[in-house]
Amino acid sequence: CVNPLGSCKGSTGPPSVDPNTGESYRLDFPDLSI
């Protein structure tokens, strides 16, 4: 069972840390598609 990309339940998503900045992506996360 896979948690979807973009979620906040372990897969990388807006609350995850952006390695380019060291801070959460927030709205800098790229546009997400199915």
Full PDB file with SEQRES, HELIX, SHEET, SSBOND, CRYST1, ORIGX, SCALE, CONECT and MASTER records, all heavy atoms in Angstrom:
SEQRES   1 A   34  CYS VAL ASN PRO LEU GLY SER CYS LYS GLY SER THR GLY          
SEQRES   2 A   34  PRO PRO SER VAL ASP PRO ASN THR GLY GLU SER TYR ARG          
SEQRES   3 A   34  LEU ASP PHE PRO ASP LEU SER ILE                              
HELIX    1 AA1 ARG A   26  ASP A   28  5                                   3    
CRYST1    1.000    1.000    1.000  90.00  90.00  90.00 P 1           1          
ORIGX1      1.000000  0.000000  0.000000        0.00000                         
ORIGX2      0.000000  1.000000  0.000000        0.00000                         
ORIGX3      0.000000  0.000000  1.000000        0.00000                         
SCALE1      1.000000  0.000000  0.000000        0.00000                         
SCALE2      0.000000  1.000000  0.000000        0.00000                         
SCALE3      0.000000  0.000000  1.000000        0.00000                         
ATOM      1  N   CYS A   1       0.858  -1.184   0.000  1.00  0.00           N  
ATOM      2  CA  CYS A   1       0.000   0.000   0.000  1.00  0.00           C  
ATOM      3  C   CYS A   1       0.892   1.231   0.000  1.00  0.00           C  
ATOM      4  O   CYS A   1       1.757   1.392   0.870  1.00  0.00           O  
ATOM      5  CB  CYS A   1      -0.923   0.019   1.215  1.00  0.00           C  
ATOM      6  SG  CYS A   1      -2.066   1.431   1.234  1.00  0.00           S  
ATOM      7  N   VAL A   2       0.685   2.089  -0.983  1.00  0.00           N  
ATOM      8  CA  VAL A   2       1.542   3.257  -1.200  1.00  0.00           C  
ATOM      9  C   VAL A   2       0.803   4.530  -0.802  1.00  0.00           C  
ATOM     10  O   VAL A   2      -0.337   4.750  -1.192  1.00  0.00           O  
ATOM     11  CB  VAL A   2       1.973   3.332  -2.677  1.00  0.00           C  
ATOM     12  CG1 VAL A   2       2.704   4.629  -2.965  1.00  0.00           C  
ATOM     13  CG2 VAL A   2       2.852   2.145  -3.041  1.00  0.00           C  
ATOM     14  N   ASN A   3       1.466   5.362  -0.020  1.00  0.00           N  
ATOM     15  CA  ASN A   3       0.948   6.700   0.274  1.00  0.00           C  
ATOM     16  C   ASN A   3       1.280   7.610  -0.908  1.00  0.00           C  
ATOM     17  O   ASN A   3       2.408   7.619  -1.393  1.00  0.00           O  
ATOM     18  CB  ASN A   3       1.597   7.228   1.550  1.00  0.00           C  
ATOM     19  CG  ASN A   3       1.155   8.625   1.925  1.00  0.00           C  
ATOM     20  OD1 ASN A   3       1.961   9.529   2.044  1.00  0.00           O  
ATOM     21  ND2 ASN A   3      -0.139   8.808   2.123  1.00  0.00           N  
ATOM     22  N   PRO A   4       0.305   8.375  -1.430  1.00  0.00           N  
ATOM     23  CA  PRO A   4       0.560   9.130  -2.659  1.00  0.00           C  
ATOM     24  C   PRO A   4       1.582  10.244  -2.494  1.00  0.00           C  
ATOM     25  O   PRO A   4       1.676  10.886  -1.443  1.00  0.00           O  
ATOM     26  CB  PRO A   4      -0.812   9.701  -3.017  1.00  0.00           C  
ATOM     27  CG  PRO A   4      -1.597   9.687  -1.753  1.00  0.00           C  
ATOM     28  CD  PRO A   4      -1.096   8.509  -0.972  1.00  0.00           C  
ATOM     29  N   LEU A   5       2.332  10.454  -3.541  1.00  0.00           N  
ATOM     30  CA  LEU A   5       3.190  11.632  -3.633  1.00  0.00           C  
ATOM     31  C   LEU A   5       2.327  12.874  -3.402  1.00  0.00           C  
ATOM     32  O   LEU A   5       1.199  12.957  -3.869  1.00  0.00           O  
ATOM     33  CB  LEU A   5       3.834  11.695  -5.021  1.00  0.00           C  
ATOM     34  CG  LEU A   5       4.839  12.818  -5.266  1.00  0.00           C  
ATOM     35  CD1 LEU A   5       6.103  12.595  -4.456  1.00  0.00           C  
ATOM     36  CD2 LEU A   5       5.174  12.900  -6.767  1.00  0.00           C  
ATOM     37  N   GLY A   6       2.856  13.843  -2.655  1.00  0.00           N  
ATOM     38  CA  GLY A   6       2.107  15.063  -2.360  1.00  0.00           C  
ATOM     39  C   GLY A   6       1.366  15.015  -1.048  1.00  0.00           C  
ATOM     40  O   GLY A   6       0.822  16.030  -0.597  1.00  0.00           O  
ATOM     41  N   SER A   7       1.354  13.856  -0.405  1.00  0.00           N  
ATOM     42  CA  SER A   7       0.640  13.705   0.858  1.00  0.00           C  
ATOM     43  C   SER A   7       1.490  14.223   2.019  1.00  0.00           C  
ATOM     44  O   SER A   7       2.589  14.751   1.836  1.00  0.00           O  
ATOM     45  CB  SER A   7       0.270  12.230   1.061  1.00  0.00           C  
ATOM     46  OG  SER A   7      -0.462  12.051   2.252  1.00  0.00           O  
ATOM     47  N   CYS A   8       0.962  14.039   3.213  1.00  0.00           N  
ATOM     48  CA  CYS A   8       1.686  14.434   4.429  1.00  0.00           C  
ATOM     49  C   CYS A   8       1.844  13.231   5.354  1.00  0.00           C  
ATOM     50  O   CYS A   8       2.056  13.379   6.550  1.00  0.00           O  
ATOM     51  CB  CYS A   8       0.927  15.548   5.151  1.00  0.00           C  
ATOM     52  SG  CYS A   8      -0.796  15.139   5.497  1.00  0.00           S  
ATOM     53  N   LYS A   9       1.709  12.028   4.779  1.00  0.00           N  
ATOM     54  CA  LYS A   9       1.741  10.807   5.580  1.00  0.00           C  
ATOM     55  C   LYS A   9       3.004   9.986   5.328  1.00  0.00           C  
ATOM     56  O   LYS A   9       3.009   8.776   5.474  1.00  0.00           O  
ATOM     57  CB  LYS A   9       0.491   9.966   5.277  1.00  0.00           C  
ATOM     58  CG  LYS A   9      -0.843  10.677   5.510  1.00  0.00           C  
ATOM     59  CD  LYS A   9      -1.102  10.956   6.975  1.00  0.00           C  
ATOM     60  CE  LYS A   9      -2.459  11.616   7.210  1.00  0.00           C  
ATOM     61  NZ  LYS A   9      -3.573  10.684   7.049  1.00  0.00           N  
ATOM     62  N   GLY A  10       4.077  10.657   4.927  1.00  0.00           N  
ATOM     63  CA  GLY A  10       5.360   9.984   4.735  1.00  0.00           C  
ATOM     64  C   GLY A  10       5.955  10.182   3.365  1.00  0.00           C  
ATOM     65  O   GLY A  10       7.175  10.293   3.210  1.00  0.00           O  
ATOM     66  N   SER A  11       5.112  10.202   2.330  1.00  0.00           N  
ATOM     67  CA  SER A  11       5.611  10.517   0.985  1.00  0.00           C  
ATOM     68  C   SER A  11       5.894  12.016   0.887  1.00  0.00           C  
ATOM     69  O   SER A  11       5.272  12.824   1.578  1.00  0.00           O  
ATOM     70  CB  SER A  11       4.586  10.109  -0.075  1.00  0.00           C  
ATOM     71  OG  SER A  11       4.437   8.699  -0.108  1.00  0.00           O  
ATOM     72  N   THR A  12       6.831  12.386   0.033  1.00  0.00           N  
ATOM     73  CA  THR A  12       7.220  13.789  -0.089  1.00  0.00           C  
ATOM     74  C   THR A  12       6.053  14.641  -0.565  1.00  0.00           C  
ATOM     75  O   THR A  12       5.367  14.295  -1.524  1.00  0.00           O  
ATOM     76  CB  THR A  12       8.406  13.923  -1.051  1.00  0.00           C  
ATOM     77  OG1 THR A  12       9.528  13.220  -0.502  1.00  0.00           O  
ATOM     78  CG2 THR A  12       8.785  15.385  -1.252  1.00  0.00           C  
ATOM     79  N   GLY A  13       5.825  15.736   0.132  1.00  0.00           N  
ATOM     80  CA  GLY A  13       4.742  16.652  -0.197  1.00  0.00           C  
ATOM     81  C   GLY A  13       5.054  18.037   0.328  1.00  0.00           C  
ATOM     82  O   GLY A  13       6.180  18.313   0.787  1.00  0.00           O  
ATOM     83  N   PRO A  14       4.090  18.944   0.308  1.00  0.00           N  
ATOM     84  CA  PRO A  14       4.319  20.325   0.742  1.00  0.00           C  
ATOM     85  C   PRO A  14       4.914  20.482   2.139  1.00  0.00           C  
ATOM     86  O   PRO A  14       5.705  21.406   2.357  1.00  0.00           O  
ATOM     87  CB  PRO A  14       2.924  20.956   0.648  1.00  0.00           C  
ATOM     88  CG  PRO A  14       2.254  20.182  -0.435  1.00  0.00           C  
ATOM     89  CD  PRO A  14       2.741  18.774  -0.291  1.00  0.00           C  
ATOM     90  N   PRO A  15       4.584  19.614   3.131  1.00  0.00           N  
ATOM     91  CA  PRO A  15       5.207  19.816   4.443  1.00  0.00           C  
ATOM     92  C   PRO A  15       6.621  19.252   4.557  1.00  0.00           C  
ATOM     93  O   PRO A  15       7.302  19.481   5.562  1.00  0.00           O  
ATOM     94  CB  PRO A  15       4.258  19.081   5.396  1.00  0.00           C  
ATOM     95  CG  PRO A  15       3.637  18.017   4.571  1.00  0.00           C  
ATOM     96  CD  PRO A  15       3.528  18.595   3.185  1.00  0.00           C  
ATOM     97  N   SER A  16       7.079  18.515   3.539  1.00  0.00           N  
ATOM     98  CA  SER A  16       8.418  17.924   3.585  1.00  0.00           C  
ATOM     99  C   SER A  16       9.484  18.995   3.399  1.00  0.00           C  
ATOM    100  O   SER A  16       9.230  20.080   2.878  1.00  0.00           O  
ATOM    101  CB  SER A  16       8.560  16.868   2.487  1.00  0.00           C  
ATOM    102  OG  SER A  16       7.539  15.897   2.565  1.00  0.00           O  
ATOM    103  N   VAL A  17      10.685  18.667   3.802  1.00  0.00           N  
ATOM    104  CA  VAL A  17      11.798  19.609   3.689  1.00  0.00           C  
ATOM    105  C   VAL A  17      12.344  19.618   2.267  1.00  0.00           C  
ATOM    106  O   VAL A  17      12.653  18.561   1.688  1.00  0.00           O  
ATOM    107  CB  VAL A  17      12.915  19.244   4.680  1.00  0.00           C  
ATOM    108  CG1 VAL A  17      14.152  20.122   4.452  1.00  0.00           C  
ATOM    109  CG2 VAL A  17      12.425  19.403   6.111  1.00  0.00           C  
ATOM    110  N   ASP A  18      12.420  20.789   1.707  1.00  0.00           N  
ATOM    111  CA  ASP A  18      13.021  20.994   0.388  1.00  0.00           C  
ATOM    112  C   ASP A  18      14.539  21.028   0.562  1.00  0.00           C  
ATOM    113  O   ASP A  18      15.072  21.913   1.242  1.00  0.00           O  
ATOM    114  CB  ASP A  18      12.523  22.324  -0.189  1.00  0.00           C  
ATOM    115  CG  ASP A  18      13.115  22.643  -1.558  1.00  0.00           C  
ATOM    116  OD1 ASP A  18      14.004  21.908  -2.023  1.00  0.00           O  
ATOM    117  OD2 ASP A  18      12.680  23.647  -2.153  1.00  0.00           O  
ATOM    118  N   PRO A  19      15.267  20.051  -0.015  1.00  0.00           N  
ATOM    119  CA  PRO A  19      16.723  20.028   0.189  1.00  0.00           C  
ATOM    120  C   PRO A  19      17.423  21.244  -0.372  1.00  0.00           C  
ATOM    121  O   PRO A  19      18.562  21.544   0.006  1.00  0.00           O  
ATOM    122  CB  PRO A  19      17.158  18.744  -0.537  1.00  0.00           C  
ATOM    123  CG  PRO A  19      16.069  18.451  -1.510  1.00  0.00           C  
ATOM    124  CD  PRO A  19      14.811  18.947  -0.873  1.00  0.00           C  
ATOM    125  N   ASN A  20      16.757  21.966  -1.257  1.00  0.00           N  
ATOM    126  CA  ASN A  20      17.388  23.170  -1.820  1.00  0.00           C  
ATOM    127  C   ASN A  20      17.384  24.338  -0.844  1.00  0.00           C  
ATOM    128  O   ASN A  20      18.207  25.252  -0.967  1.00  0.00           O  
ATOM    129  CB  ASN A  20      16.656  23.588  -3.096  1.00  0.00           C  
ATOM    130  CG  ASN A  20      16.794  22.566  -4.208  1.00  0.00           C  
ATOM    131  OD1 ASN A  20      17.891  22.069  -4.456  1.00  0.00           O  
ATOM    132  ND2 ASN A  20      15.694  22.244  -4.872  1.00  0.00           N  
ATOM    133  N   THR A  21      16.457  24.332   0.119  1.00  0.00           N  
ATOM    134  CA  THR A  21      16.339  25.465   1.041  1.00  0.00           C  
ATOM    135  C   THR A  21      16.494  25.071   2.509  1.00  0.00           C  
ATOM    136  O   THR A  21      16.751  25.933   3.349  1.00  0.00           O  
ATOM    137  CB  THR A  21      14.968  26.146   0.879  1.00  0.00           C  
ATOM    138  OG1 THR A  21      13.938  25.233   1.291  1.00  0.00           O  
ATOM    139  CG2 THR A  21      14.738  26.559  -0.571  1.00  0.00           C  
ATOM    140  N   GLY A  22      16.303  23.779   2.813  1.00  0.00           N  
ATOM    141  CA  GLY A  22      16.342  23.333   4.203  1.00  0.00           C  
ATOM    142  C   GLY A  22      15.058  23.648   4.956  1.00  0.00           C  
ATOM    143  O   GLY A  22      14.988  23.435   6.156  1.00  0.00           O  
ATOM    144  N   GLU A  23      14.046  24.167   4.264  1.00  0.00           N  
ATOM    145  CA  GLU A  23      12.762  24.474   4.869  1.00  0.00           C  
ATOM    146  C   GLU A  23      11.659  23.694   4.151  1.00  0.00           C  
ATOM    147  O   GLU A  23      11.863  23.138   3.069  1.00  0.00           O  
ATOM    148  CB  GLU A  23      12.475  25.976   4.798  1.00  0.00           C  
ATOM    149  CG  GLU A  23      13.500  26.832   5.531  1.00  0.00           C  
ATOM    150  CD  GLU A  23      13.172  28.310   5.437  1.00  0.00           C  
ATOM    151  OE1 GLU A  23      12.197  28.653   4.718  1.00  0.00           O  
ATOM    152  OE2 GLU A  23      13.877  29.111   6.059  1.00  0.00           O  
ATOM    153  N   SER A  24      10.478  23.672   4.735  1.00  0.00           N  
ATOM    154  CA  SER A  24       9.355  22.977   4.115  1.00  0.00           C  
ATOM    155  C   SER A  24       9.048  23.587   2.744  1.00  0.00           C  
ATOM    156  O   SER A  24       9.153  24.800   2.546  1.00  0.00           O  
ATOM    157  CB  SER A  24       8.117  23.073   4.996  1.00  0.00           C  
ATOM    158  OG  SER A  24       8.308  22.386   6.213  1.00  0.00           O  
ATOM    159  N   TYR A  25       8.626  22.729   1.821  1.00  0.00           N  
ATOM    160  CA  TYR A  25       8.267  23.214   0.487  1.00  0.00           C  
ATOM    161  C   TYR A  25       7.142  24.244   0.549  1.00  0.00           C  
ATOM    162  O   TYR A  25       7.176  25.250  -0.149  1.00  0.00           O  
ATOM    163  CB  TYR A  25       7.766  22.053  -0.384  1.00  0.00           C  
ATOM    164  CG  TYR A  25       8.825  21.182  -0.985  1.00  0.00           C  
ATOM    165  CD1 TYR A  25       9.125  19.944  -0.439  1.00  0.00           C  
ATOM    166  CD2 TYR A  25       9.491  21.576  -2.141  1.00  0.00           C  
ATOM    167  CE1 TYR A  25      10.075  19.111  -1.017  1.00  0.00           C  
ATOM    168  CE2 TYR A  25      10.443  20.759  -2.731  1.00  0.00           C  
ATOM    169  CZ  TYR A  25      10.730  19.527  -2.155  1.00  0.00           C  
ATOM    170  OH  TYR A  25      11.668  18.717  -2.729  1.00  0.00           O  
ATOM    171  N   ARG A  26       6.121  23.940   1.336  1.00  0.00           N  
ATOM    172  CA  ARG A  26       4.896  24.734   1.334  1.00  0.00           C  
ATOM    173  C   ARG A  26       4.413  24.909  -0.115  1.00  0.00           C  
ATOM    174  O   ARG A  26       4.271  23.921  -0.842  1.00  0.00           O  
ATOM    175  CB  ARG A  26       5.108  26.058   2.048  1.00  0.00           C  
ATOM    176  CG  ARG A  26       5.551  25.900   3.511  1.00  0.00           C  
ATOM    177  CD  ARG A  26       5.738  27.234   4.188  1.00  0.00           C  
ATOM    178  NE  ARG A  26       6.326  27.094   5.524  1.00  0.00           N  
ATOM    179  CZ  ARG A  26       5.614  26.950   6.643  1.00  0.00           C  
ATOM    180  NH1 ARG A  26       4.297  26.917   6.592  1.00  0.00           N  
ATOM    181  NH2 ARG A  26       6.222  26.844   7.815  1.00  0.00           N  
ATOM    182  N   LEU A  27       4.169  26.135  -0.567  1.00  0.00           N  
ATOM    183  CA  LEU A  27       3.650  26.342  -1.914  1.00  0.00           C  
ATOM    184  C   LEU A  27       4.740  26.335  -2.984  1.00  0.00           C  
ATOM    185  O   LEU A  27       4.448  26.517  -4.176  1.00  0.00           O  
ATOM    186  CB  LEU A  27       2.871  27.656  -1.990  1.00  0.00           C  
ATOM    187  CG  LEU A  27       1.659  27.773  -1.071  1.00  0.00           C  
ATOM    188  CD1 LEU A  27       0.817  28.985  -1.449  1.00  0.00           C  
ATOM    189  CD2 LEU A  27       0.800  26.513  -1.084  1.00  0.00           C  
ATOM    190  N   ASP A  28       5.989  26.090  -2.582  1.00  0.00           N  
ATOM    191  CA  ASP A  28       7.049  25.908  -3.569  1.00  0.00           C  
ATOM    192  C   ASP A  28       7.086  24.477  -4.095  1.00  0.00           C  
ATOM    193  O   ASP A  28       7.878  24.177  -4.999  1.00  0.00           O  
ATOM    194  CB  ASP A  28       8.415  26.263  -2.971  1.00  0.00           C  
ATOM    195  CG  ASP A  28       8.575  27.762  -2.760  1.00  0.00           C  
ATOM    196  OD1 ASP A  28       7.942  28.529  -3.526  1.00  0.00           O  
ATOM    197  OD2 ASP A  28       9.300  28.161  -1.838  1.00  0.00           O  
ATOM    198  N   PHE A  29       6.247  23.596  -3.524  1.00  0.00           N  
ATOM    199  CA  PHE A  29       6.146  22.242  -4.075  1.00  0.00           C  
ATOM    200  C   PHE A  29       5.616  22.350  -5.500  1.00  0.00           C  
ATOM    201  O   PHE A  29       4.700  23.128  -5.772  1.00  0.00           O  
ATOM    202  CB  PHE A  29       5.194  21.411  -3.206  1.00  0.00           C  
ATOM    203  CG  PHE A  29       5.257  19.934  -3.484  1.00  0.00           C  
ATOM    204  CD1 PHE A  29       6.304  19.175  -3.002  1.00  0.00           C  
ATOM    205  CD2 PHE A  29       4.255  19.309  -4.212  1.00  0.00           C  
ATOM    206  CE1 PHE A  29       6.357  17.809  -3.244  1.00  0.00           C  
ATOM    207  CE2 PHE A  29       4.298  17.949  -4.463  1.00  0.00           C  
ATOM    208  CZ  PHE A  29       5.359  17.189  -3.975  1.00  0.00           C  
ATOM    209  N   PRO A  30       6.186  21.589  -6.447  1.00  0.00           N  
ATOM    210  CA  PRO A  30       5.713  21.712  -7.844  1.00  0.00           C  
ATOM    211  C   PRO A  30       4.247  21.309  -7.982  1.00  0.00           C  
ATOM    212  O   PRO A  30       3.715  20.550  -7.166  1.00  0.00           O  
ATOM    213  CB  PRO A  30       6.622  20.724  -8.600  1.00  0.00           C  
ATOM    214  CG  PRO A  30       7.790  20.483  -7.709  1.00  0.00           C  
ATOM    215  CD  PRO A  30       7.297  20.639  -6.308  1.00  0.00           C  
ATOM    216  N   ASP A  31       3.612  21.816  -9.026  1.00  0.00           N  
ATOM    217  CA  ASP A  31       2.240  21.399  -9.319  1.00  0.00           C  
ATOM    218  C   ASP A  31       2.169  19.878  -9.391  1.00  0.00           C  
ATOM    219  O   ASP A  31       3.003  19.232 -10.044  1.00  0.00           O  
ATOM    220  CB  ASP A  31       1.774  21.997 -10.648  1.00  0.00           C  
ATOM    221  CG  ASP A  31       1.452  23.480 -10.532  1.00  0.00           C  
ATOM    222  OD1 ASP A  31       1.262  23.955  -9.396  1.00  0.00           O  
ATOM    223  OD2 ASP A  31       1.393  24.160 -11.579  1.00  0.00           O  
ATOM    224  N   LEU A  32       1.169  19.331  -8.738  1.00  0.00           N  
ATOM    225  CA  LEU A  32       1.031  17.882  -8.604  1.00  0.00           C  
ATOM    226  C   LEU A  32      -0.059  17.368  -9.543  1.00  0.00           C  
ATOM    227  O   LEU A  32      -1.119  17.993  -9.675  1.00  0.00           O  
ATOM    228  CB  LEU A  32       0.675  17.529  -7.156  1.00  0.00           C  
ATOM    229  CG  LEU A  32       0.459  16.052  -6.823  1.00  0.00           C  
ATOM    230  CD1 LEU A  32       1.789  15.293  -6.862  1.00  0.00           C  
ATOM    231  CD2 LEU A  32      -0.192  15.907  -5.445  1.00  0.00           C  
ATOM    232  N   SER A  33       0.177  16.214 -10.152  1.00  0.00           N  
ATOM    233  CA  SER A  33      -0.829  15.590 -11.004  1.00  0.00           C  
ATOM    234  C   SER A  33      -1.023  14.136 -10.585  1.00  0.00           C  
ATOM    235  O   SER A  33      -0.168  13.527  -9.931  1.00  0.00           O  
ATOM    236  CB  SER A  33      -0.405  15.648 -12.480  1.00  0.00           C  
ATOM    237  OG  SER A  33       0.672  14.758 -12.723  1.00  0.00           O  
ATOM    238  N   ILE A  34      -2.158  13.578 -10.976  1.00  0.00           N  
ATOM    239  CA  ILE A  34      -2.410  12.154 -10.757  1.00  0.00           C  
ATOM    240  C   ILE A  34      -1.333  11.315 -11.439  1.00  0.00           C  
ATOM    241  O   ILE A  34      -0.888  10.277 -10.918  1.00  0.00           O  
ATOM    242  CB  ILE A  34      -3.811  11.768 -11.273  1.00  0.00           C  
ATOM    243  CG1 ILE A  34      -4.899  12.395 -10.393  1.00  0.00           C  
ATOM    244  CG2 ILE A  34      -3.974  10.253 -11.337  1.00  0.00           C  
ATOM    245  CD1 ILE A  34      -5.016  11.826  -9.004  1.00  0.00           C  
TER     246      ILE A  34                                                      
MASTER        0    0    0    1    0    0    0    6  245    1    0    3          
END                                                                             
